[in-house]
Amino acid sequence: MAYPIIDVELPAPDEFPTLSLAERDRRYAVLRATMSRDGLDALVVFGSGRDTYDRYLTNEPLGTVAVLTATSVTTIGRYALARLDPSGAAYERWVDDVRPGPVPTVLREVLGEHGLTSGVNVGVVGLTGMGFAADDGWIPFTTWQKVLEVLPGVTFVDAGGWFERMALVKSPEERVMVRKAAAIGEAACEAFVAAARVGARETEVAAATLGATVAGGGWWYEPIICFRAGRDRFSWGRPEWIGMGGGGRVLQPGDSVAAELFNFYGGFETQQQIEAHIGEPDALVRRLEEVCFEAYEDGLDVLSRPGATFDELADAMMQPMLRNGFWNTGPQVHGVGPCWPNSATHLNTASDPMFDGLTLPPVKPQDGDIELAPGMAFAFEPNAIHQYRRICIGGTVMLTEDGIEELNQLAKTVQVVQP
């Protein structure tokens, strides 16, 4: 039976869910079962990457190193002084054994206490990665060299693949956190549209958007925001004014302004693609929007089919763009928490005559495949480019046993602001 589209009530602005100790125990049990299956005596999770995976064991955004054995959990690196003052007393901590100091030295100490310094297999998260800009991992070279030097009797095994796949499937408690992140994202989209006015500087639009995220109890992870404003635009990424100054563009009649939002709540990511036009869009923009919306709907159709794969989802969402002779700069769809798998980008660039003779980025192929399963959340972000115009729409969609939850609504269509 197909998964239906179901209504979902997002947490209210004054609701701030948290994870319980029962969720902690569930995660530890699943991790330890997988370690046993793979013959691992310990798991070392480096949290310095974009997704700070140490928090999966600690529930704190410390960016430390978390060590899981059959009987213990330890964090190494920074000591969180927030644990010591009265303001921090309101937060329930998952890990009691927190040890500051150099990671290689303290890791040898921790493993030694459990007799795990010789003839053992230890899994590592951080040697390689599958998420956003993480192919080569995120462990500092010098740190890893020292770990190998002080623990020559340990066989280290890359555990990132199964760890990140496991994190893709959200438990019931985790799904509540995702919904809250999406609710914050919806409020940020509302603030974006409200701020997009003739005479507003694009930095003001970004400030209103990001401010709404923080006001809602959320935060952002890298790259914080992708943003572009102007009448003719197709590039995507961080705006130039972040690193070069200049203050950004002052919006004029006929301009459009677009953003990709990376809204997090309690460590759980959602994404929204919001676009506003100052005045009625022209026929090309409307056609690009139609194609993107068709891709969005086609994606929902694939997601509704039990046993469907990410390959099938990505292909379905790519076809409307390809059929119409358009091309893309970003993936049409990818997982969130982590940002994997990602569909291909920079497809079909030769179809656009405006770019004859120019060097464009090469195709970035799809980076993996999975069977779609309840508990997975995806950023639906179909985008299409033609003749210096780019449209990208969509938000976060989550699959559950009961059906498909479309967690964002405002970003599904181009918003029109009257000049």
Protein backbone atom coordinates (compact mmCIF):
# COMPACT_ATOMS: atom_id res chain seq x y z
CA MET A 1 0.00 0.00 0.00
CA ALA A 2 1.33 3.44 -0.93
CA TYR A 3 2.26 5.94 1.76
CA PRO A 4 -0.31 8.77 1.71
CA ILE A 5 0.36 12.46 2.23
CA ILE A 6 -0.71 13.14 5.81
CA ASP A 7 -1.41 16.29 7.75
CA VAL A 8 1.08 17.04 10.49
CA GLU A 9 0.88 19.50 13.33
CA LEU A 10 4.22 21.16 13.88
CA PRO A 11 5.30 22.15 17.40
CA ALA A 12 4.04 25.56 18.47
CA PRO A 13 6.43 28.51 18.90
CA ASP A 14 6.36 28.08 22.69
CA GLU A 15 7.02 24.32 22.56
CA PHE A 16 10.66 23.31 22.90
CA PRO A 17 11.04 19.49 22.84
CA THR A 18 14.17 17.72 24.07
CA LEU A 19 15.51 14.18 23.89
CA SER A 20 15.12 11.82 26.83
CA LEU A 21 17.47 9.37 28.55
CA ALA A 22 15.37 6.63 26.95
CA GLU A 23 16.48 7.96 23.53
CA ARG A 24 20.08 7.95 24.73
CA ASP A 25 19.77 4.32 25.82
CA ARG A 26 18.15 3.37 22.51
CA ARG A 27 21.06 4.87 20.57
CA TYR A 28 23.69 3.20 22.73
CA ALA A 29 21.96 -0.17 22.36
CA VAL A 30 21.83 0.11 18.55
CA LEU A 31 25.45 1.26 18.36
CA ARG A 32 26.68 -1.53 20.60
CA ALA A 33 24.72 -4.14 18.66
CA THR A 34 26.32 -2.93 15.42
CA MET A 35 29.77 -2.89 17.04
CA SER A 36 29.27 -6.48 18.14
CA ARG A 37 28.14 -7.47 14.65
CA ASP A 38 31.26 -5.93 13.11
CA GLY A 39 33.68 -7.17 15.74
CA LEU A 40 34.49 -3.73 17.13
CA ASP A 41 35.68 -3.38 20.70
CA ALA A 42 35.10 0.39 20.84
CA LEU A 43 33.79 3.25 18.74
CA VAL A 44 35.53 6.63 18.55
CA VAL A 45 33.42 9.47 17.14
CA PHE A 46 35.21 12.68 16.16
CA GLY A 47 32.77 15.58 16.42
CA SER A 48 34.69 18.29 14.60
CA GLY A 49 32.80 17.92 11.29
CA ARG A 50 29.79 19.89 10.11
CA ASP A 51 27.31 17.51 11.68
CA THR A 52 29.17 17.27 15.03
CA TYR A 53 28.48 13.57 15.40
CA ASP A 54 29.77 13.44 18.97
CA ARG A 55 26.37 14.90 19.90
CA TYR A 56 24.78 11.62 18.78
CA LEU A 57 26.35 10.11 21.89
CA THR A 58 26.44 13.16 24.15
CA ASN A 59 23.40 15.27 23.15
CA GLU A 60 25.64 18.34 23.53
CA PRO A 61 27.17 20.50 20.77
CA LEU A 62 30.71 20.21 22.09
CA GLY A 63 32.65 19.26 18.98
CA THR A 64 34.62 16.81 21.09
CA VAL A 65 35.59 13.15 20.67
CA ALA A 66 33.15 10.59 22.07
CA VAL A 67 34.32 7.07 22.96
CA LEU A 68 31.83 4.22 23.33
CA THR A 69 32.83 0.84 24.75
CA ALA A 70 30.68 -2.10 25.81
CA THR A 71 30.22 -0.55 29.25
CA SER A 72 31.13 3.16 29.10
CA VAL A 73 30.85 6.48 27.30
CA THR A 74 33.53 9.17 27.58
CA THR A 75 34.00 12.54 25.91
CA ILE A 76 37.50 13.89 25.28
CA GLY A 77 38.65 17.40 24.52
CA ARG A 78 36.92 20.53 25.74
CA TYR A 79 35.39 20.54 29.19
CA ALA A 80 31.95 22.11 29.07
CA LEU A 81 31.93 24.67 31.88
CA ALA A 82 28.20 25.02 31.25
CA ARG A 83 27.86 21.85 33.33
CA LEU A 84 29.10 23.66 36.42
CA ASP A 85 27.06 26.83 36.73
CA PRO A 86 23.43 27.13 37.92
CA SER A 87 22.16 28.11 34.48
CA GLY A 88 23.30 24.76 33.10
CA ALA A 89 21.63 22.76 35.84
CA ALA A 90 18.34 22.74 33.94
CA TYR A 91 19.81 20.50 31.23
CA GLU A 92 19.92 16.74 31.63
CA ARG A 93 23.39 15.46 30.70
CA TRP A 94 23.89 12.15 28.96
CA VAL A 95 27.56 11.59 29.75
CA ASP A 96 29.24 11.92 33.16
CA ASP A 97 32.80 11.03 32.16
CA VAL A 98 34.11 14.22 30.54
CA ARG A 99 37.89 14.50 30.19
CA PRO A 100 39.73 17.56 28.92
CA GLY A 101 43.17 17.25 27.39
CA PRO A 102 44.97 16.27 24.16
CA VAL A 103 42.85 13.78 22.25
CA PRO A 104 45.61 11.20 21.49
CA THR A 105 46.84 11.08 25.08
CA VAL A 106 43.41 10.88 26.70
CA LEU A 107 42.15 8.38 24.12
CA ARG A 108 45.04 6.05 24.98
CA GLU A 109 44.17 6.51 28.66
CA VAL A 110 40.48 5.71 28.14
CA LEU A 111 41.08 2.65 25.98
CA GLY A 112 43.78 1.46 28.39
CA GLU A 113 41.33 1.47 31.29
CA HIS A 114 39.29 -1.10 29.38
CA GLY A 115 42.22 -3.20 28.19
CA LEU A 116 41.77 -2.02 24.60
CA THR A 117 45.26 -0.95 23.55
CA SER A 118 46.49 -4.10 21.84
CA GLY A 119 45.00 -6.73 19.54
CA VAL A 120 41.64 -4.95 19.31
CA ASN A 121 39.48 -3.40 16.60
CA VAL A 122 38.23 0.15 17.13
CA GLY A 123 35.73 1.83 14.82
CA VAL A 124 36.26 5.46 13.90
CA VAL A 125 33.76 8.05 12.68
CA GLY A 126 35.51 10.93 10.92
CA LEU A 127 38.09 9.22 8.71
CA THR A 128 35.75 9.60 5.75
CA GLY A 129 32.30 11.08 5.41
CA MET A 130 29.21 10.95 3.26
CA GLY A 131 27.60 14.26 4.14
CA PHE A 132 28.11 17.81 2.90
CA ALA A 133 31.75 18.50 1.90
CA ALA A 134 32.94 15.58 4.03
CA ASP A 135 34.25 13.02 1.52
CA ASP A 136 37.75 13.09 3.00
CA GLY A 137 36.66 13.13 6.62
CA TRP A 138 37.26 15.82 9.23
CA ILE A 139 39.90 14.50 11.64
CA PRO A 140 42.92 16.86 11.74
CA PHE A 141 45.97 15.24 10.15
CA THR A 142 48.29 15.89 13.09
CA THR A 143 45.77 14.57 15.61
CA TRP A 144 45.32 11.33 13.67
CA GLN A 145 49.05 10.82 13.22
CA LYS A 146 49.53 11.13 16.97
CA VAL A 147 46.67 8.69 17.64
CA LEU A 148 48.40 6.11 15.45
CA GLU A 149 51.70 6.74 17.22
CA VAL A 150 50.37 6.27 20.77
CA LEU A 151 48.13 3.29 19.93
CA PRO A 152 50.20 1.08 17.61
CA GLY A 153 48.51 -2.10 18.81
CA VAL A 154 45.03 -1.00 17.79
CA THR A 155 43.48 -1.77 14.41
CA PHE A 156 41.32 1.21 13.48
CA VAL A 157 38.36 0.59 11.18
CA ASP A 158 36.38 3.21 9.26
CA ALA A 159 32.88 3.10 10.76
CA GLY A 160 31.53 6.27 9.22
CA GLY A 161 29.41 4.61 6.56
CA TRP A 162 27.16 2.53 8.79
CA PHE A 163 27.09 5.23 11.46
CA GLU A 164 25.79 7.90 9.09
CA ARG A 165 23.29 5.52 7.50
CA MET A 166 21.97 4.72 10.96
CA ALA A 167 21.63 8.42 11.80
CA LEU A 168 19.48 8.94 8.67
CA VAL A 169 16.63 6.93 10.22
CA LYS A 170 14.98 9.01 12.92
CA SER A 171 13.31 7.53 15.99
CA PRO A 172 9.92 8.83 17.17
CA GLU A 173 11.61 11.29 19.55
CA GLU A 174 13.99 12.47 16.86
CA ARG A 175 11.11 13.08 14.46
CA VAL A 176 9.61 15.55 16.92
CA MET A 177 12.90 17.45 16.88
CA VAL A 178 12.90 17.47 13.06
CA ARG A 179 9.36 18.86 13.04
CA LYS A 180 10.41 21.62 15.42
CA ALA A 181 13.37 22.50 13.19
CA ALA A 182 10.99 22.65 10.21
CA ALA A 183 8.58 24.88 12.14
CA ILE A 184 11.45 27.28 12.85
CA GLY A 185 12.34 27.12 9.17
CA GLU A 186 8.77 28.04 8.23
CA ALA A 187 8.92 31.07 10.52
CA ALA A 188 12.26 32.05 8.97
CA CYS A 189 10.67 31.86 5.50
CA GLU A 190 7.87 34.14 6.65
CA ALA A 191 10.41 36.64 7.95
CA PHE A 192 12.31 36.44 4.65
CA VAL A 193 9.24 37.30 2.58
CA ALA A 194 8.20 40.09 4.96
CA ALA A 195 11.65 41.71 4.71
CA ALA A 196 11.94 41.44 0.91
CA ARG A 197 10.86 44.94 -0.12
CA VAL A 198 11.93 47.60 -2.58
CA GLY A 199 14.70 49.62 -0.95
CA ALA A 200 15.73 46.88 1.47
CA ARG A 201 19.35 45.82 1.37
CA GLU A 202 19.80 42.09 0.89
CA THR A 203 21.73 41.99 4.16
CA GLU A 204 18.57 43.18 5.92
CA VAL A 205 16.58 40.34 4.40
CA ALA A 206 19.21 37.85 5.54
CA ALA A 207 19.28 39.37 9.03
CA ALA A 208 15.51 39.12 9.44
CA THR A 209 15.59 35.52 8.26
CA LEU A 210 18.42 34.40 10.51
CA GLY A 211 16.99 36.37 13.43
CA ALA A 212 13.71 34.47 13.16
CA THR A 213 15.63 31.20 13.42
CA VAL A 214 17.33 32.20 16.66
CA ALA A 215 14.15 33.72 18.08
CA GLY A 216 12.46 30.37 17.54
CA GLY A 217 15.10 28.52 19.53
CA GLY A 218 17.08 27.29 16.54
CA TRP A 219 20.51 27.78 15.05
CA TRP A 220 22.32 27.04 11.79
CA TYR A 221 25.15 24.83 10.64
CA GLU A 222 27.44 25.46 7.70
CA PRO A 223 27.10 27.15 5.32
CA ILE A 224 24.52 29.03 7.47
CA ILE A 225 22.76 30.57 4.46
CA CYS A 226 23.02 30.54 0.68
CA PHE A 227 21.71 33.80 -0.72
CA ARG A 228 21.39 35.62 -4.04
CA ALA A 229 19.58 38.76 -5.17
CA GLY A 230 19.17 40.52 -8.50
CA ARG A 231 17.20 40.54 -11.72
CA ASP A 232 19.43 38.08 -13.62
CA ARG A 233 21.15 35.52 -11.42
CA PHE A 234 21.95 31.84 -11.47
CA SER A 235 24.93 31.38 -9.14
CA TRP A 236 24.39 29.74 -5.77
CA GLY A 237 26.27 29.72 -2.48
CA ARG A 238 27.35 32.21 0.13
CA PRO A 239 26.87 35.84 -0.97
CA GLU A 240 29.99 37.85 -1.75
CA TRP A 241 29.37 40.40 1.01
CA ILE A 242 30.08 37.79 3.70
CA GLY A 243 33.75 37.63 2.76
CA MET A 244 34.29 40.71 0.60
CA GLY A 245 32.16 43.41 2.19
CA GLY A 246 30.17 45.83 0.09
CA GLY A 247 26.85 45.58 1.90
CA GLY A 248 24.96 43.63 -0.74
CA ARG A 249 22.36 44.72 -3.26
CA VAL A 250 19.52 47.17 -2.57
CA LEU A 251 16.37 45.52 -3.92
CA GLN A 252 14.65 47.16 -6.89
CA PRO A 253 11.35 46.54 -8.70
CA GLY A 254 11.76 43.47 -10.89
CA ASP A 255 14.44 41.90 -8.65
CA SER A 256 14.20 38.51 -7.07
CA VAL A 257 15.87 37.32 -3.90
CA ALA A 258 16.41 33.71 -2.91
CA ALA A 259 17.89 31.83 0.02
CA GLU A 260 18.64 28.31 1.11
CA LEU A 261 18.12 28.01 4.86
CA PHE A 262 19.87 25.45 7.07
CA ASN A 263 17.70 25.48 10.17
CA PHE A 264 18.71 23.31 13.10
CA TYR A 265 16.96 22.63 16.36
CA GLY A 266 18.58 20.54 19.04
CA GLY A 267 21.10 19.33 16.46
CA PHE A 268 18.49 18.25 13.89
CA GLU A 269 18.60 19.81 10.45
CA THR A 270 15.91 20.88 8.05
CA GLN A 271 16.31 22.94 4.89
CA GLN A 272 14.08 25.42 3.09
CA GLN A 273 14.45 27.01 -0.37
CA ILE A 274 12.64 30.34 -0.26
CA GLU A 275 12.29 32.74 -3.20
CA ALA A 276 10.55 36.11 -3.45
CA HIS A 277 10.00 38.28 -6.52
CA ILE A 278 9.46 42.03 -6.32
CA GLY A 279 6.55 42.32 -8.71
CA GLU A 280 5.03 39.67 -10.97
CA PRO A 281 7.63 37.21 -12.36
CA ASP A 282 8.06 36.97 -16.12
CA ALA A 283 7.03 33.98 -18.25
CA LEU A 284 10.44 32.27 -18.04
CA VAL A 285 10.48 32.40 -14.25
CA ARG A 286 6.97 30.98 -14.10
CA ARG A 287 7.96 28.18 -16.47
CA LEU A 288 10.99 27.34 -14.34
CA GLU A 289 8.74 27.31 -11.28
CA GLU A 290 6.28 24.95 -12.99
CA VAL A 291 9.08 22.54 -13.86
CA CYS A 292 10.42 22.62 -10.31
CA PHE A 293 6.98 22.03 -8.84
CA GLU A 294 6.45 19.11 -11.22
CA ALA A 295 9.72 17.62 -9.96
CA TYR A 296 8.60 18.13 -6.35
CA GLU A 297 5.32 16.31 -7.02
CA ASP A 298 7.11 13.51 -8.88
CA GLY A 299 9.39 13.11 -5.87
CA LEU A 300 6.40 12.70 -3.56
CA ASP A 301 5.06 10.02 -5.88
CA VAL A 302 8.27 7.97 -5.62
CA LEU A 303 8.47 8.49 -1.86
CA SER A 304 4.96 7.07 -1.53
CA ARG A 305 6.05 3.69 -2.94
CA PRO A 306 7.26 1.19 -0.31
CA GLY A 307 10.66 -0.22 -1.24
CA ALA A 308 11.59 2.68 -3.53
CA THR A 309 15.23 3.72 -3.67
CA PHE A 310 17.02 7.04 -3.61
CA ASP A 311 18.14 6.33 -7.19
CA GLU A 312 14.50 6.28 -8.26
CA LEU A 313 13.69 9.40 -6.25
CA ALA A 314 16.61 11.36 -7.69
CA ASP A 315 15.87 10.29 -11.26
CA ALA A 316 12.20 11.22 -11.02
CA MET A 317 13.01 14.68 -9.68
CA MET A 318 15.66 15.26 -12.35
CA GLN A 319 13.55 14.38 -15.39
CA PRO A 320 11.32 17.48 -15.63
CA MET A 321 14.41 19.69 -15.71
CA LEU A 322 16.11 17.57 -18.36
CA ARG A 323 13.02 17.23 -20.54
CA ASN A 324 12.66 20.99 -20.70
CA GLY A 325 16.27 21.68 -21.60
CA PHE A 326 17.20 23.31 -18.28
CA TRP A 327 20.17 22.65 -15.96
CA ASN A 328 20.89 22.72 -12.22
CA THR A 329 23.47 23.99 -9.75
CA GLY A 330 22.32 22.09 -6.67
CA PRO A 331 20.93 18.62 -6.03
CA GLN A 332 17.23 18.16 -6.65
CA VAL A 333 16.99 16.16 -3.44
CA HIS A 334 19.19 14.93 -0.63
CA GLY A 335 18.90 13.43 2.82
CA VAL A 336 19.11 15.60 5.92
CA GLY A 337 20.81 14.63 9.16
CA PRO A 338 23.27 13.89 7.46
CA CYS A 339 23.19 15.61 4.05
CA TRP A 340 23.41 12.32 2.18
CA PRO A 341 22.72 10.94 -0.39
CA ASN A 342 22.78 13.85 -2.85
CA SER A 343 21.42 13.76 -6.40
CA ALA A 344 23.67 14.94 -9.24
CA THR A 345 24.41 18.59 -9.99
CA HIS A 346 25.47 20.64 -13.05
CA LEU A 347 23.62 18.36 -15.44
CA ASN A 348 22.72 19.51 -18.94
CA THR A 349 24.74 22.75 -18.89
CA ALA A 350 25.37 22.49 -22.66
CA SER A 351 21.64 23.02 -23.27
CA ASP A 352 21.79 26.72 -22.38
CA PRO A 353 23.02 28.92 -25.28
CA MET A 354 23.74 31.80 -22.89
CA PHE A 355 26.82 29.94 -21.67
CA ASP A 356 28.43 29.03 -24.99
CA GLY A 357 32.19 29.40 -24.68
CA LEU A 358 32.15 29.71 -20.89
CA THR A 359 33.67 27.17 -18.54
CA LEU A 360 31.07 25.81 -16.14
CA PRO A 361 31.61 23.36 -13.29
CA PRO A 362 31.68 19.68 -14.26
CA VAL A 363 28.90 17.27 -13.37
CA LYS A 364 29.00 16.21 -9.72
CA PRO A 365 27.47 12.72 -9.81
CA GLN A 366 25.05 11.30 -7.31
CA ASP A 367 26.98 10.15 -4.27
CA GLY A 368 25.09 7.09 -3.03
CA ASP A 369 21.91 5.06 -2.91
CA ILE A 370 19.68 3.68 -0.18
CA GLU A 371 16.27 2.10 0.14
CA LEU A 372 13.86 4.74 1.35
CA ALA A 373 12.51 3.90 4.80
CA PRO A 374 10.21 5.42 7.43
CA GLY A 375 12.12 7.79 9.67
CA MET A 376 14.15 9.35 6.86
CA ALA A 377 13.91 13.06 6.10
CA PHE A 378 14.80 14.68 2.81
CA ALA A 379 15.41 18.17 1.50
CA PHE A 380 13.25 18.45 -1.61
CA GLU A 381 14.93 21.29 -3.51
CA PRO A 382 14.24 21.02 -7.26
CA ASN A 383 16.07 23.77 -9.12
CA ALA A 384 16.25 24.74 -12.77
CA ILE A 385 18.28 27.34 -14.69
CA HIS A 386 17.88 28.90 -18.11
CA GLN A 387 19.23 32.15 -19.55
CA TYR A 388 20.56 33.59 -16.28
CA ARG A 389 17.40 32.75 -14.36
CA ARG A 390 17.39 30.21 -11.53
CA ILE A 391 14.42 28.97 -9.54
CA CYS A 392 14.63 26.61 -6.59
CA ILE A 393 11.70 25.67 -4.37
CA GLY A 394 10.97 23.19 -1.61
CA GLY A 395 11.45 22.26 2.02
CA THR A 396 11.86 19.24 4.22
CA VAL A 397 9.79 16.10 3.68
CA MET A 398 9.76 13.21 6.14
CA LEU A 399 8.60 9.64 5.55
CA THR A 400 6.92 7.84 8.46
CA GLU A 401 5.07 4.54 8.88
CA ASP A 402 1.79 6.48 8.62
CA GLY A 403 2.68 8.46 5.52
CA ILE A 404 4.54 11.43 4.09
CA GLU A 405 4.84 14.65 6.05
CA GLU A 406 5.44 17.83 4.06
CA LEU A 407 6.97 19.91 6.82
CA ASN A 408 7.27 23.20 4.91
CA GLN A 409 4.66 24.95 2.80
CA LEU A 410 5.70 28.54 2.09
CA ALA A 411 8.82 27.52 0.16
CA LYS A 412 6.93 25.26 -2.24
CA THR A 413 6.11 28.17 -4.56
CA VAL A 414 7.65 31.48 -5.59
CA GLN A 415 6.40 34.26 -3.33
CA VAL A 416 5.38 37.51 -5.03
CA VAL A 417 5.88 40.81 -3.21
CA GLN A 418 4.19 43.87 -4.63
CA PRO A 419 6.62 46.78 -5.20
